[in-house]
Structure formats: C-alpha cells, structure tokens
Amino acid sequence: MASTTGLTRSTFAKLSPHPYLLANLKPSSNDVRPARSNGRASDEARVPTVNVSSLSHANGSAVVRVGDTTVICGVRAETILTQNIPSYRAANIETELKEYDLLVPNIELATGCAPQFLPGGPPSTLAQTLSTRIYSLLHSSKIIKPEDLRIWHAAASEDLEADDDRMEEDDDEAPNENRSVVAYWVLYIDIFFISFDGNPFDAAWAATMAALRDTKLPGARFDVDREMIVCSRKESRLLSITSTPIACTAVVFTGKETDRPTDGEFWMLVDPDRLEESLCDESVTIVVDCKDGKVNILSISKHGGIALTPQFLTSEQFLGWATKRWEQFNAAITQS
C-alpha cells in the first residue's frame, strides 16, 4: 500500500515560504499558538551575545552574535597631522569629525557568510548601504566627542621634558594661545560578517558600539624635531563613550503574496531572519537610547509599504518593544 505521507515542514518552507509563514502566524486551530517559522513570537527578538577585546592587534574590538548572524568589529586608530588636511581650519570645532573624515566605517559581506555573498566579489549594494547608514548614525548620534580625537601641542613647553626643575608657576604663566591642535586620531571601523541570517544593521551597529567602548587610544605628543606624532601605550586612555544608542529593526509581513500594498491583515516581525526579510517589503528601524530610564529617539527610518503609520511608530507599544531591545543589547555590551 502506498504511503500517504505529506511534505515535511522544512520542504514546505522551501517550496512555499510565504504560505508557510502565514500558516504559522495564522493557524487554523485556536489551540495552536501563533508563531513565526523559526518558533519565535512576532514580538520576540533573538538574545544577543557580546565579547569584547577579541582582536589583539586592534585598538578596540568586539564580536556580536544575534541568532545565526555573527559580526566582528575592529577599530584601528591612526594619526594625521593637521598640515596634511587640505581643508583644515583651526576655528572649525563643530563639524571637524565629518569634514576631516575622522570616522571611517567599512562593512565587508563578501566573506562567505551567506550563499549570496561569495568571497572575492566586489562590495555589494547591501554592504555599501550598511556602511553609509553606520557612517550617518555615528555622526548624528554624536557618541564620539571631537576632543577625544584631538592631539594637542603647546609651543611654549617644547623643552619641558629637558628641564625637570622648571617651576610650576612658569607653567601657569604660559599663554593658552600657544596650545594648538597639531593632529587628529582617525578611527577606521572595520566590520566583518562571519555568518548572516538577517537583520544585519542591528548587529553591525551593536558591534560598532561595543568595539568603540573597548577602544583605547595611546598617549600621543608632537615631536618638533622629527615633525611627527610619537605614541606611548603606557598612557592609553579609553574613548569617553557616555551613551549606548541601539538600533531596533522590524519588518511587516502581509497576508497577501504580492508586491502591492494591502489594507488587509499584517504582522510586525521584530528582529527578522533572512527568510522573513526576503518575504517582506516594508521595514522600520528605530534607534533609541534609554539611559536614565528615559526613551530618547535618535532616528526612525522606514522603507516601503503603508501598514505602519506615524502614530504607531510613536505609540507606547512600539516604543516599549524598542526599550526592551535596548535593555537586552545594553546589558550584553556593558557586561561583556
């Protein structure tokens, strides 16, 4: 007698991913709990894990894993003399980070982290988009203080080390006008995806934040005779990162398998995996900082679709989910 066994769950998911996800989110029986294909509830995110100081030859580094998405971030600090900056102006103290390109993020997806990102290929559109978003958020969030990257030189105290017996009052009389910025630290933020299973921006930004909090800059001074910056690891100091903004992404899954917007039923799936991202045309990312118990919204970016309204994006339900996600990431970063 022939077997009447139907398709397995994994086969059904591969052949008809949209109906399969819909069947899980909207089960035919009330006794079955609605869930996504991966078993999570629609508002349930994957628990992040963070490890810092993972790279011995970087000034700061971190590995962040969210489900099957794993990202490693390394921060390299290099110096640049102000005389080598074409557009340098001593009076520019407001936009120096951006105008002098002192923060340089780069994302590498061509690591074999997923079938569509084979090693050796050119930078993908997604990699360039993620790099641009990281760059924009680094500047708009103002988590890095410009004074942390300045290297000062006081012309009046060039021979201070040679004269150990110099009186303290002489230092007090030295005019402040002789102290000037002679160089900057440039932070190269390299982000590599080891494995990729959706929601790349949240993981990449969390890795960036963790690596920056781990970054130590050597003590630096200007050598007049050699006209170069001399560094000392004995005088290293941490970057003064006082806040930890976290990115929270969700996608909208509609009940109809079509590219056109629908007024029908929809589900907001937080922290989407790779399958869910491929089935959804609408997404939203909110960046929040919940320090001191207050929800501060740094940015909201939405792409595609009409299901999520401005009222919903500022509702207690949506902000409550973002706050919970911030608490998860903040705990993982600060306790690593």
C-alpha atoms as a PDB file:
ATOM      1  CA  MET A   1       0.000   0.000   0.000  1.00  0.00           C
ATOM      2  CA  ALA A   2       1.369   3.404  -0.997  1.00  0.00           C
ATOM      3  CA  SER A   3       2.393   5.850   1.716  1.00  0.00           C
ATOM      4  CA  THR A   4       0.261   8.976   2.160  1.00  0.00           C
ATOM      5  CA  THR A   5       2.918  10.973   3.982  1.00  0.00           C
ATOM      6  CA  GLY A   6       2.809  14.683   3.051  1.00  0.00           C
ATOM      7  CA  LEU A   7       5.585  17.226   2.758  1.00  0.00           C
ATOM      8  CA  THR A   8       7.840  17.791   5.722  1.00  0.00           C
ATOM      9  CA  ARG A   9       7.902  21.205   7.391  1.00  0.00           C
ATOM     10  CA  SER A  10      11.358  22.053   6.019  1.00  0.00           C
ATOM     11  CA  THR A  11      10.351  21.074   2.467  1.00  0.00           C
ATOM     12  CA  PHE A  12       7.111  23.064   2.681  1.00  0.00           C
ATOM     13  CA  ALA A  13       9.070  26.094   3.920  1.00  0.00           C
ATOM     14  CA  LYS A  14      11.476  25.937   0.974  1.00  0.00           C
ATOM     15  CA  LEU A  15       8.820  25.351  -1.698  1.00  0.00           C
ATOM     16  CA  SER A  16       6.245  27.875  -0.454  1.00  0.00           C
ATOM     17  CA  PRO A  17       7.847  30.190   2.116  1.00  0.00           C
ATOM     18  CA  HIS A  18       5.083  32.815   2.137  1.00  0.00           C
ATOM     19  CA  PRO A  19       2.146  30.401   2.709  1.00  0.00           C
ATOM     20  CA  TYR A  20       4.269  28.533   5.247  1.00  0.00           C
ATOM     21  CA  LEU A  21       4.968  31.658   7.308  1.00  0.00           C
ATOM     22  CA  LEU A  22       1.331  32.739   7.011  1.00  0.00           C
ATOM     23  CA  ALA A  23       0.160  29.325   8.212  1.00  0.00           C
ATOM     24  CA  ASN A  24       2.369  29.663  11.288  1.00  0.00           C
ATOM     25  CA  LEU A  25       1.293  33.218  12.092  1.00  0.00           C
ATOM     26  CA  LYS A  26      -2.385  32.468  11.453  1.00  0.00           C
ATOM     27  CA  PRO A  27      -3.004  28.845  12.462  1.00  0.00           C
ATOM     28  CA  SER A  28      -6.321  27.247  11.569  1.00  0.00           C
ATOM     29  CA  SER A  29      -6.833  25.993  15.117  1.00  0.00           C
ATOM     30  CA  ASN A  30      -7.264  28.225  18.145  1.00  0.00           C
ATOM     31  CA  ASP A  31      -5.399  25.658  20.214  1.00  0.00           C
ATOM     32  CA  VAL A  32      -2.165  26.366  18.333  1.00  0.00           C
ATOM     33  CA  ARG A  33      -0.094  29.347  19.433  1.00  0.00           C
ATOM     34  CA  PRO A  34       0.700  31.771  16.579  1.00  0.00           C
ATOM     35  CA  ALA A  35       4.418  31.777  15.874  1.00  0.00           C
ATOM     36  CA  ARG A  36       6.891  32.518  13.146  1.00  0.00           C
ATOM     37  CA  SER A  37       8.634  29.835  11.111  1.00  0.00           C
ATOM     38  CA  ASN A  38      11.609  29.986  13.475  1.00  0.00           C
ATOM     39  CA  GLY A  39       9.385  29.385  16.503  1.00  0.00           C
ATOM     40  CA  ARG A  40       9.565  32.925  17.868  1.00  0.00           C
ATOM     41  CA  ALA A  41       6.564  35.110  18.604  1.00  0.00           C
ATOM     42  CA  SER A  42       6.069  38.117  16.332  1.00  0.00           C
ATOM     43  CA  ASP A  43       7.427  40.496  19.007  1.00  0.00           C
ATOM     44  CA  GLU A  44      10.208  38.188  20.200  1.00  0.00           C
ATOM     45  CA  ALA A  45      13.807  39.046  19.342  1.00  0.00           C
ATOM     46  CA  ARG A  46      16.871  36.841  19.406  1.00  0.00           C
ATOM     47  CA  VAL A  47      19.039  37.173  22.509  1.00  0.00           C
ATOM     48  CA  PRO A  48      22.363  38.896  21.680  1.00  0.00           C
ATOM     49  CA  THR A  49      25.767  37.843  22.983  1.00  0.00           C
ATOM     50  CA  VAL A  50      28.787  40.171  23.009  1.00  0.00           C
ATOM     51  CA  ASN A  51      32.503  39.527  23.527  1.00  0.00           C
ATOM     52  CA  VAL A  52      34.994  42.421  23.537  1.00  0.00           C
ATOM     53  CA  SER A  53      38.783  42.635  23.027  1.00  0.00           C
ATOM     54  CA  SER A  54      38.607  39.758  20.563  1.00  0.00           C
ATOM     55  CA  LEU A  55      41.359  41.106  18.259  1.00  0.00           C
ATOM     56  CA  SER A  56      44.804  41.559  19.800  1.00  0.00           C
ATOM     57  CA  HIS A  57      46.132  43.944  17.124  1.00  0.00           C
ATOM     58  CA  ALA A  58      43.218  46.393  17.178  1.00  0.00           C
ATOM     59  CA  ASN A  59      42.694  49.384  19.443  1.00  0.00           C
ATOM     60  CA  GLY A  60      39.230  48.045  20.198  1.00  0.00           C
ATOM     61  CA  SER A  61      37.165  45.097  19.015  1.00  0.00           C
ATOM     62  CA  ALA A  62      34.002  43.134  19.650  1.00  0.00           C
ATOM     63  CA  VAL A  63      32.131  40.083  18.410  1.00  0.00           C
ATOM     64  CA  VAL A  64      28.337  40.240  18.419  1.00  0.00           C
ATOM     65  CA  ARG A  65      26.099  37.264  17.754  1.00  0.00           C
ATOM     66  CA  VAL A  66      22.350  37.549  17.269  1.00  0.00           C
ATOM     67  CA  GLY A  67      20.940  34.146  16.458  1.00  0.00           C
ATOM     68  CA  ASP A  68      22.852  32.924  13.411  1.00  0.00           C
ATOM     69  CA  THR A  69      24.072  36.412  12.486  1.00  0.00           C
ATOM     70  CA  THR A  70      27.631  36.941  13.720  1.00  0.00           C
ATOM     71  CA  VAL A  71      29.603  40.156  13.292  1.00  0.00           C
ATOM     72  CA  ILE A  72      33.127  41.086  14.308  1.00  0.00           C
ATOM     73  CA  CYS A  73      34.204  44.730  14.502  1.00  0.00           C
ATOM     74  CA  GLY A  74      37.738  46.057  14.870  1.00  0.00           C
ATOM     75  CA  VAL A  75      38.751  49.681  15.429  1.00  0.00           C
ATOM     76  CA  ARG A  76      42.164  50.846  14.197  1.00  0.00           C
ATOM     77  CA  ALA A  77      43.429  54.270  15.259  1.00  0.00           C
ATOM     78  CA  GLU A  78      45.876  56.191  13.076  1.00  0.00           C
ATOM     79  CA  THR A  79      47.144  59.767  13.335  1.00  0.00           C
ATOM     80  CA  ILE A  80      47.005  62.509  10.729  1.00  0.00           C
ATOM     81  CA  LEU A  81      48.757  65.873  11.021  1.00  0.00           C
ATOM     82  CA  THR A  82      46.613  68.945  10.541  1.00  0.00           C
ATOM     83  CA  GLN A  83      49.101  70.182   7.941  1.00  0.00           C
ATOM     84  CA  ASN A  84      48.109  67.181   5.802  1.00  0.00           C
ATOM     85  CA  ILE A  85      44.387  68.014   5.940  1.00  0.00           C
ATOM     86  CA  PRO A  86      43.596  70.160   2.864  1.00  0.00           C
ATOM     87  CA  SER A  87      40.501  71.807   4.334  1.00  0.00           C
ATOM     88  CA  TYR A  88      41.805  72.242   7.880  1.00  0.00           C
ATOM     89  CA  ARG A  89      40.726  75.366   9.753  1.00  0.00           C
ATOM     90  CA  ALA A  90      41.754  75.899  13.355  1.00  0.00           C
ATOM     91  CA  ALA A  91      38.451  77.607  14.136  1.00  0.00           C
ATOM     92  CA  ASN A  92      36.382  74.625  12.989  1.00  0.00           C
ATOM     93  CA  ILE A  93      35.408  72.824  16.193  1.00  0.00           C
ATOM     94  CA  GLU A  94      31.797  71.926  15.353  1.00  0.00           C
ATOM     95  CA  THR A  95      31.965  69.671  12.298  1.00  0.00           C
ATOM     96  CA  GLU A  96      35.585  68.520  12.347  1.00  0.00           C
ATOM     97  CA  LEU A  97      34.690  64.820  12.721  1.00  0.00           C
ATOM     98  CA  LYS A  98      32.778  64.826   9.448  1.00  0.00           C
ATOM     99  CA  GLU A  99      34.724  67.386   7.430  1.00  0.00           C
ATOM    100  CA  TYR A 100      38.089  65.776   8.152  1.00  0.00           C
ATOM    101  CA  ASP A 101      36.786  62.184   7.796  1.00  0.00           C
ATOM    102  CA  LEU A 102      37.940  61.126  11.247  1.00  0.00           C
ATOM    103  CA  LEU A 103      35.430  58.242  11.397  1.00  0.00           C
ATOM    104  CA  VAL A 104      35.755  55.698   8.573  1.00  0.00           C
ATOM    105  CA  PRO A 105      33.394  52.700   8.814  1.00  0.00           C
ATOM    106  CA  ASN A 106      33.561  49.857   6.326  1.00  0.00           C
ATOM    107  CA  ILE A 107      31.424  46.725   6.113  1.00  0.00           C
ATOM    108  CA  GLU A 108      32.576  43.519   4.453  1.00  0.00           C
ATOM    109  CA  LEU A 109      29.938  40.977   3.476  1.00  0.00           C
ATOM    110  CA  ALA A 110      31.963  39.046   0.891  1.00  0.00           C
ATOM    111  CA  THR A 111      33.249  36.602   3.480  1.00  0.00           C
ATOM    112  CA  GLY A 112      31.156  33.570   2.578  1.00  0.00           C
ATOM    113  CA  CYS A 113      28.766  34.418   5.408  1.00  0.00           C
ATOM    114  CA  ALA A 114      25.806  33.508   3.170  1.00  0.00           C
ATOM    115  CA  PRO A 115      25.340  31.928  -0.276  1.00  0.00           C
ATOM    116  CA  GLN A 116      24.682  35.297  -1.914  1.00  0.00           C
ATOM    117  CA  PHE A 117      27.903  36.803  -0.510  1.00  0.00           C
ATOM    118  CA  LEU A 118      30.752  34.798  -2.010  1.00  0.00           C
ATOM    119  CA  PRO A 119      34.358  35.672  -1.094  1.00  0.00           C
ATOM    120  CA  GLY A 120      36.388  37.747  -3.522  1.00  0.00           C
ATOM    121  CA  GLY A 121      33.496  39.645  -5.040  1.00  0.00           C
ATOM    122  CA  PRO A 122      33.097  43.430  -5.246  1.00  0.00           C
ATOM    123  CA  PRO A 123      31.289  45.284  -2.448  1.00  0.00           C
ATOM    124  CA  SER A 124      27.582  44.546  -2.697  1.00  0.00           C
ATOM    125  CA  THR A 125      24.844  47.148  -2.668  1.00  0.00           C
ATOM    126  CA  LEU A 126      23.821  45.997   0.797  1.00  0.00           C
ATOM    127  CA  ALA A 127      27.370  46.396   2.134  1.00  0.00           C
ATOM    128  CA  GLN A 128      27.625  49.938   0.772  1.00  0.00           C
ATOM    129  CA  THR A 129      24.192  50.822   2.137  1.00  0.00           C
ATOM    130  CA  LEU A 130      25.040  49.491   5.588  1.00  0.00           C
ATOM    131  CA  SER A 131      28.346  51.394   5.611  1.00  0.00           C
ATOM    132  CA  THR A 132      26.533  54.615   4.730  1.00  0.00           C
ATOM    133  CA  ARG A 133      23.951  54.083   7.470  1.00  0.00           C
ATOM    134  CA  ILE A 134      26.634  53.349  10.068  1.00  0.00           C
ATOM    135  CA  TYR A 135      28.554  56.457   8.973  1.00  0.00           C
ATOM    136  CA  SER A 136      25.466  58.650   9.182  1.00  0.00           C
ATOM    137  CA  LEU A 137      24.450  57.347  12.605  1.00  0.00           C
ATOM    138  CA  LEU A 138      27.962  57.743  14.013  1.00  0.00           C
ATOM    139  CA  HIS A 139      27.810  61.456  13.253  1.00  0.00           C
ATOM    140  CA  SER A 140      24.160  62.160  14.050  1.00  0.00           C
ATOM    141  CA  SER A 141      24.269  60.362  17.414  1.00  0.00           C
ATOM    142  CA  LYS A 142      27.409  62.275  18.496  1.00  0.00           C
ATOM    143  CA  ILE A 143      28.595  59.374  20.626  1.00  0.00           C
ATOM    144  CA  ILE A 144      32.239  60.284  19.961  1.00  0.00           C
ATOM    145  CA  LYS A 145      33.473  63.589  21.315  1.00  0.00           C
ATOM    146  CA  PRO A 146      35.792  65.550  18.979  1.00  0.00           C
ATOM    147  CA  GLU A 147      38.131  66.400  21.860  1.00  0.00           C
ATOM    148  CA  ASP A 148      38.907  62.691  22.308  1.00  0.00           C
ATOM    149  CA  LEU A 149      40.480  62.629  18.840  1.00  0.00           C
ATOM    150  CA  ARG A 150      42.482  65.853  19.101  1.00  0.00           C
ATOM    151  CA  ILE A 151      46.231  65.775  19.666  1.00  0.00           C
ATOM    152  CA  TRP A 152      47.470  68.997  21.223  1.00  0.00           C
ATOM    153  CA  HIS A 153      50.863  70.676  21.272  1.00  0.00           C
ATOM    154  CA  ALA A 154      51.943  73.563  23.454  1.00  0.00           C
ATOM    155  CA  ALA A 155      54.686  75.525  21.722  1.00  0.00           C
ATOM    156  CA  ALA A 156      55.728  77.262  24.930  1.00  0.00           C
ATOM    157  CA  SER A 157      56.602  73.945  26.596  1.00  0.00           C
ATOM    158  CA  GLU A 158      58.653  72.254  23.887  1.00  0.00           C
ATOM    159  CA  ASP A 159      61.626  71.877  26.215  1.00  0.00           C
ATOM    160  CA  LEU A 160      59.575  70.951  29.257  1.00  0.00           C
ATOM    161  CA  GLU A 161      60.911  67.403  29.452  1.00  0.00           C
ATOM    162  CA  ALA A 162      64.513  68.588  29.245  1.00  0.00           C
ATOM    163  CA  ASP A 163      64.034  70.967  32.159  1.00  0.00           C
ATOM    164  CA  ASP A 164      62.630  68.908  35.046  1.00  0.00           C
ATOM    165  CA  ASP A 165      63.311  71.673  37.550  1.00  0.00           C
ATOM    166  CA  ARG A 166      61.099  74.212  35.830  1.00  0.00           C
ATOM    167  CA  MET A 167      58.921  75.990  38.376  1.00  0.00           C
ATOM    168  CA  GLU A 168      55.192  75.281  38.422  1.00  0.00           C
ATOM    169  CA  GLU A 169      54.350  78.968  38.300  1.00  0.00           C
ATOM    170  CA  ASP A 170      56.109  79.251  34.968  1.00  0.00           C
ATOM    171  CA  ASP A 171      53.668  76.690  33.552  1.00  0.00           C
ATOM    172  CA  ASP A 172      50.741  78.706  34.815  1.00  0.00           C
ATOM    173  CA  GLU A 173      52.071  81.805  33.103  1.00  0.00           C
ATOM    174  CA  ALA A 174      52.325  80.096  29.708  1.00  0.00           C
ATOM    175  CA  PRO A 175      49.726  81.633  27.389  1.00  0.00           C
ATOM    176  CA  ASN A 176      46.886  79.349  26.281  1.00  0.00           C
ATOM    177  CA  GLU A 177      47.192  80.756  22.764  1.00  0.00           C
ATOM    178  CA  ASN A 178      50.355  78.688  22.265  1.00  0.00           C
ATOM    179  CA  ARG A 179      48.407  75.431  22.666  1.00  0.00           C
ATOM    180  CA  SER A 180      47.015  74.199  19.374  1.00  0.00           C
ATOM    181  CA  VAL A 181      45.777  71.038  17.669  1.00  0.00           C
ATOM    182  CA  VAL A 182      48.577  69.562  15.586  1.00  0.00           C
ATOM    183  CA  ALA A 183      46.999  66.217  14.688  1.00  0.00           C
ATOM    184  CA  TYR A 184      43.912  64.022  14.985  1.00  0.00           C
ATOM    185  CA  TRP A 185      43.192  60.388  15.596  1.00  0.00           C
ATOM    186  CA  VAL A 186      41.392  58.739  12.671  1.00  0.00           C
ATOM    187  CA  LEU A 187      39.259  55.732  13.626  1.00  0.00           C
ATOM    188  CA  TYR A 188      38.946  53.030  10.962  1.00  0.00           C
ATOM    189  CA  ILE A 189      35.959  50.878  11.908  1.00  0.00           C
ATOM    190  CA  ASP A 190      36.088  47.573  10.021  1.00  0.00           C
ATOM    191  CA  ILE A 191      33.024  45.340  10.306  1.00  0.00           C
ATOM    192  CA  PHE A 192      33.076  41.749   9.022  1.00  0.00           C
ATOM    193  CA  PHE A 193      30.131  39.374   8.829  1.00  0.00           C
ATOM    194  CA  ILE A 194      31.098  35.849   9.824  1.00  0.00           C
ATOM    195  CA  SER A 195      27.584  34.446   9.353  1.00  0.00           C
ATOM    196  CA  PHE A 196      24.452  36.098   8.002  1.00  0.00           C
ATOM    197  CA  ASP A 197      20.864  35.317   8.964  1.00  0.00           C
ATOM    198  CA  GLY A 198      19.017  38.600   8.614  1.00  0.00           C
ATOM    199  CA  ASN A 199      18.873  41.940  10.415  1.00  0.00           C
ATOM    200  CA  PRO A 200      22.446  42.974   9.543  1.00  0.00           C
ATOM    201  CA  PHE A 201      22.196  46.634  10.575  1.00  0.00           C
ATOM    202  CA  ASP A 202      21.248  45.981  14.199  1.00  0.00           C
ATOM    203  CA  ALA A 203      24.098  43.514  14.640  1.00  0.00           C
ATOM    204  CA  ALA A 204      26.634  45.707  12.838  1.00  0.00           C
ATOM    205  CA  TRP A 205      25.706  48.775  14.889  1.00  0.00           C
ATOM    206  CA  ALA A 206      25.831  46.825  18.167  1.00  0.00           C
ATOM    207  CA  ALA A 207      29.290  45.516  17.235  1.00  0.00           C
ATOM    208  CA  THR A 208      30.380  49.068  16.430  1.00  0.00           C
ATOM    209  CA  MET A 209      29.155  50.366  19.782  1.00  0.00           C
ATOM    210  CA  ALA A 210      30.817  47.537  21.715  1.00  0.00           C
ATOM    211  CA  ALA A 211      34.117  47.981  19.857  1.00  0.00           C
ATOM    212  CA  LEU A 212      34.151  51.758  20.394  1.00  0.00           C
ATOM    213  CA  ARG A 213      33.528  51.293  24.114  1.00  0.00           C
ATOM    214  CA  ASP A 214      36.529  48.937  24.122  1.00  0.00           C
ATOM    215  CA  THR A 215      38.785  51.298  22.137  1.00  0.00           C
ATOM    216  CA  LYS A 216      41.927  52.600  23.833  1.00  0.00           C
ATOM    217  CA  LEU A 217      43.964  55.421  22.295  1.00  0.00           C
ATOM    218  CA  PRO A 218      47.693  55.589  23.125  1.00  0.00           C
ATOM    219  CA  GLY A 219      49.135  58.715  24.649  1.00  0.00           C
ATOM    220  CA  ALA A 220      50.305  60.959  21.800  1.00  0.00           C
ATOM    221  CA  ARG A 221      52.538  64.015  21.570  1.00  0.00           C
ATOM    222  CA  PHE A 222      54.108  66.021  18.766  1.00  0.00           C
ATOM    223  CA  ASP A 223      57.883  65.689  18.316  1.00  0.00           C
ATOM    224  CA  VAL A 224      59.093  69.036  16.985  1.00  0.00           C
ATOM    225  CA  ASP A 225      62.485  67.790  15.828  1.00  0.00           C
ATOM    226  CA  ARG A 226      61.100  64.904  13.783  1.00  0.00           C
ATOM    227  CA  GLU A 227      57.819  66.655  12.938  1.00  0.00           C
ATOM    228  CA  MET A 228      55.788  63.569  13.714  1.00  0.00           C
ATOM    229  CA  ILE A 229      53.472  62.133  16.349  1.00  0.00           C
ATOM    230  CA  VAL A 230      55.059  59.894  18.979  1.00  0.00           C
ATOM    231  CA  CYS A 231      52.758  57.479  20.815  1.00  0.00           C
ATOM    232  CA  SER A 232      53.036  55.586  24.083  1.00  0.00           C
ATOM    233  CA  ARG A 233      50.862  52.641  25.102  1.00  0.00           C
ATOM    234  CA  LYS A 234      51.661  53.284  28.756  1.00  0.00           C
ATOM    235  CA  GLU A 235      49.455  56.375  28.628  1.00  0.00           C
ATOM    236  CA  SER A 236      46.499  54.752  26.852  1.00  0.00           C
ATOM    237  CA  ARG A 237      43.006  56.008  27.597  1.00  0.00           C
ATOM    238  CA  LEU A 238      39.521  54.815  26.742  1.00  0.00           C
ATOM    239  CA  LEU A 239      37.203  56.752  24.473  1.00  0.00           C
ATOM    240  CA  SER A 240      34.647  58.597  26.567  1.00  0.00           C
ATOM    241  CA  ILE A 241      31.510  56.902  25.231  1.00  0.00           C
ATOM    242  CA  THR A 242      28.801  58.062  27.618  1.00  0.00           C
ATOM    243  CA  SER A 243      25.711  56.718  25.823  1.00  0.00           C
ATOM    244  CA  THR A 244      24.813  53.476  24.070  1.00  0.00           C
ATOM    245  CA  PRO A 245      22.179  54.010  21.377  1.00  0.00           C
ATOM    246  CA  ILE A 246      20.809  50.758  19.986  1.00  0.00           C
ATOM    247  CA  ALA A 247      19.169  50.062  16.617  1.00  0.00           C
ATOM    248  CA  CYS A 248      15.943  48.028  16.587  1.00  0.00           C
ATOM    249  CA  THR A 249      14.583  46.734  13.268  1.00  0.00           C
ATOM    250  CA  ALA A 250      11.254  45.142  12.377  1.00  0.00           C
ATOM    251  CA  VAL A 251       9.613  44.101   9.105  1.00  0.00           C
ATOM    252  CA  VAL A 252       5.958  43.927   8.089  1.00  0.00           C
ATOM    253  CA  PHE A 253       4.554  40.659   6.774  1.00  0.00           C
ATOM    254  CA  THR A 254       1.264  40.956   4.881  1.00  0.00           C
ATOM    255  CA  GLY A 255      -1.330  38.276   4.356  1.00  0.00           C
ATOM    256  CA  LYS A 256      -1.155  38.531   0.564  1.00  0.00           C
ATOM    257  CA  GLU A 257       1.726  37.279  -1.529  1.00  0.00           C
ATOM    258  CA  THR A 258       2.016  40.392  -3.688  1.00  0.00           C
ATOM    259  CA  ASP A 259       4.285  43.391  -4.129  1.00  0.00           C
ATOM    260  CA  ARG A 260       1.329  45.755  -3.953  1.00  0.00           C
ATOM    261  CA  PRO A 261       0.306  47.328  -0.632  1.00  0.00           C
ATOM    262  CA  THR A 262      -2.671  45.775   1.054  1.00  0.00           C
ATOM    263  CA  ASP A 263      -5.190  47.045   3.562  1.00  0.00           C
ATOM    264  CA  GLY A 264      -5.610  43.566   4.946  1.00  0.00           C
ATOM    265  CA  GLU A 265      -4.063  41.808   7.896  1.00  0.00           C
ATOM    266  CA  PHE A 266      -0.383  42.249   8.667  1.00  0.00           C
ATOM    267  CA  TRP A 267       2.167  41.266  11.307  1.00  0.00           C
ATOM    268  CA  MET A 268       5.161  43.236  12.542  1.00  0.00           C
ATOM    269  CA  LEU A 269       8.073  40.820  12.951  1.00  0.00           C
ATOM    270  CA  VAL A 270      10.857  42.161  15.143  1.00  0.00           C
ATOM    271  CA  ASP A 271      14.486  41.163  14.581  1.00  0.00           C
ATOM    272  CA  PRO A 272      13.739  39.372  11.266  1.00  0.00           C
ATOM    273  CA  ASP A 273      15.819  36.488   9.976  1.00  0.00           C
ATOM    274  CA  ARG A 274      16.952  36.109   6.373  1.00  0.00           C
ATOM    275  CA  LEU A 275      13.808  34.257   5.228  1.00  0.00           C
ATOM    276  CA  GLU A 276      11.471  36.837   6.750  1.00  0.00           C
ATOM    277  CA  GLU A 277      13.384  39.722   5.175  1.00  0.00           C
ATOM    278  CA  SER A 278      13.007  38.129   1.743  1.00  0.00           C
ATOM    279  CA  LEU A 279       9.208  37.922   2.194  1.00  0.00           C
ATOM    280  CA  CYS A 280       8.630  41.478   3.432  1.00  0.00           C
ATOM    281  CA  ASP A 281       8.682  44.771   1.529  1.00  0.00           C
ATOM    282  CA  GLU A 282       8.187  47.114   4.477  1.00  0.00           C
ATOM    283  CA  SER A 283      10.709  47.657   7.261  1.00  0.00           C
ATOM    284  CA  VAL A 284      11.381  50.150  10.032  1.00  0.00           C
ATOM    285  CA  THR A 285      14.461  50.841  12.138  1.00  0.00           C
ATOM    286  CA  ILE A 286      14.359  52.943  15.280  1.00  0.00           C
ATOM    287  CA  VAL A 287      17.494  53.992  17.168  1.00  0.00           C
ATOM    288  CA  VAL A 288      16.897  54.683  20.850  1.00  0.00           C
ATOM    289  CA  ASP A 289      18.922  55.499  23.928  1.00  0.00           C
ATOM    290  CA  CYS A 290      17.122  54.662  27.164  1.00  0.00           C
ATOM    291  CA  LYS A 291      19.750  55.945  29.571  1.00  0.00           C
ATOM    292  CA  ASP A 292      18.386  57.091  32.956  1.00  0.00           C
ATOM    293  CA  GLY A 293      15.032  55.447  32.202  1.00  0.00           C
ATOM    294  CA  LYS A 294      14.040  57.953  29.530  1.00  0.00           C
ATOM    295  CA  VAL A 295      13.421  56.911  25.929  1.00  0.00           C
ATOM    296  CA  ASN A 296      15.361  59.194  23.583  1.00  0.00           C
ATOM    297  CA  ILE A 297      14.650  58.603  19.891  1.00  0.00           C
ATOM    298  CA  LEU A 298      17.722  59.336  17.787  1.00  0.00           C
ATOM    299  CA  SER A 299      16.280  58.308  14.437  1.00  0.00           C
ATOM    300  CA  ILE A 300      13.439  56.461  12.730  1.00  0.00           C
ATOM    301  CA  SER A 301      13.852  55.178   9.182  1.00  0.00           C
ATOM    302  CA  LYS A 302      11.095  53.391   7.284  1.00  0.00           C
ATOM    303  CA  HIS A 303      11.208  51.782   3.858  1.00  0.00           C
ATOM    304  CA  GLY A 304       8.325  50.607   1.672  1.00  0.00           C
ATOM    305  CA  GLY A 305       4.715  49.807   2.475  1.00  0.00           C
ATOM    306  CA  ILE A 306       1.913  51.750   4.134  1.00  0.00           C
ATOM    307  CA  ALA A 307       0.963  49.451   7.016  1.00  0.00           C
ATOM    308  CA  LEU A 308       2.929  51.234   9.756  1.00  0.00           C
ATOM    309  CA  THR A 309       1.567  54.708  10.432  1.00  0.00           C
ATOM    310  CA  PRO A 310       3.405  57.611  12.125  1.00  0.00           C
ATOM    311  CA  GLN A 311       1.049  57.242  15.078  1.00  0.00           C
ATOM    312  CA  PHE A 312       2.033  53.593  15.542  1.00  0.00           C
ATOM    313  CA  LEU A 313       5.756  54.370  15.316  1.00  0.00           C
ATOM    314  CA  THR A 314       5.460  56.675  18.339  1.00  0.00           C
ATOM    315  CA  SER A 315       2.985  54.540  20.277  1.00  0.00           C
ATOM    316  CA  GLU A 316       3.693  53.017  23.685  1.00  0.00           C
ATOM    317  CA  GLN A 317       3.546  49.540  22.152  1.00  0.00           C
ATOM    318  CA  PHE A 318       6.266  50.251  19.601  1.00  0.00           C
ATOM    319  CA  LEU A 319       8.486  52.228  21.971  1.00  0.00           C
ATOM    320  CA  GLY A 320       8.016  49.562  24.641  1.00  0.00           C
ATOM    321  CA  TRP A 321       9.440  46.945  22.290  1.00  0.00           C
ATOM    322  CA  ALA A 322      12.359  49.254  21.408  1.00  0.00           C
ATOM    323  CA  THR A 323      13.056  49.855  25.103  1.00  0.00           C
ATOM    324  CA  LYS A 324      13.122  46.123  25.803  1.00  0.00           C
ATOM    325  CA  ARG A 325      15.502  45.585  22.903  1.00  0.00           C
ATOM    326  CA  TRP A 326      17.772  48.384  24.167  1.00  0.00           C
ATOM    327  CA  GLU A 327      17.897  46.753  27.596  1.00  0.00           C
ATOM    328  CA  GLN A 328      18.932  43.427  26.039  1.00  0.00           C
ATOM    329  CA  PHE A 329      21.758  44.896  23.975  1.00  0.00           C
ATOM    330  CA  ASN A 330      22.909  47.325  26.662  1.00  0.00           C
ATOM    331  CA  ALA A 331      23.182  44.528  29.222  1.00  0.00           C
ATOM    332  CA  ALA A 332      25.126  42.349  26.774  1.00  0.00           C
ATOM    333  CA  ILE A 333      27.539  45.180  25.892  1.00  0.00           C
ATOM    334  CA  THR A 334      28.164  46.543  29.380  1.00  0.00           C
ATOM    335  CA  GLN A 335      28.593  43.111  30.955  1.00  0.00           C
ATOM    336  CA  SER A 336      30.954  41.770  28.293  1.00  0.00           C
END
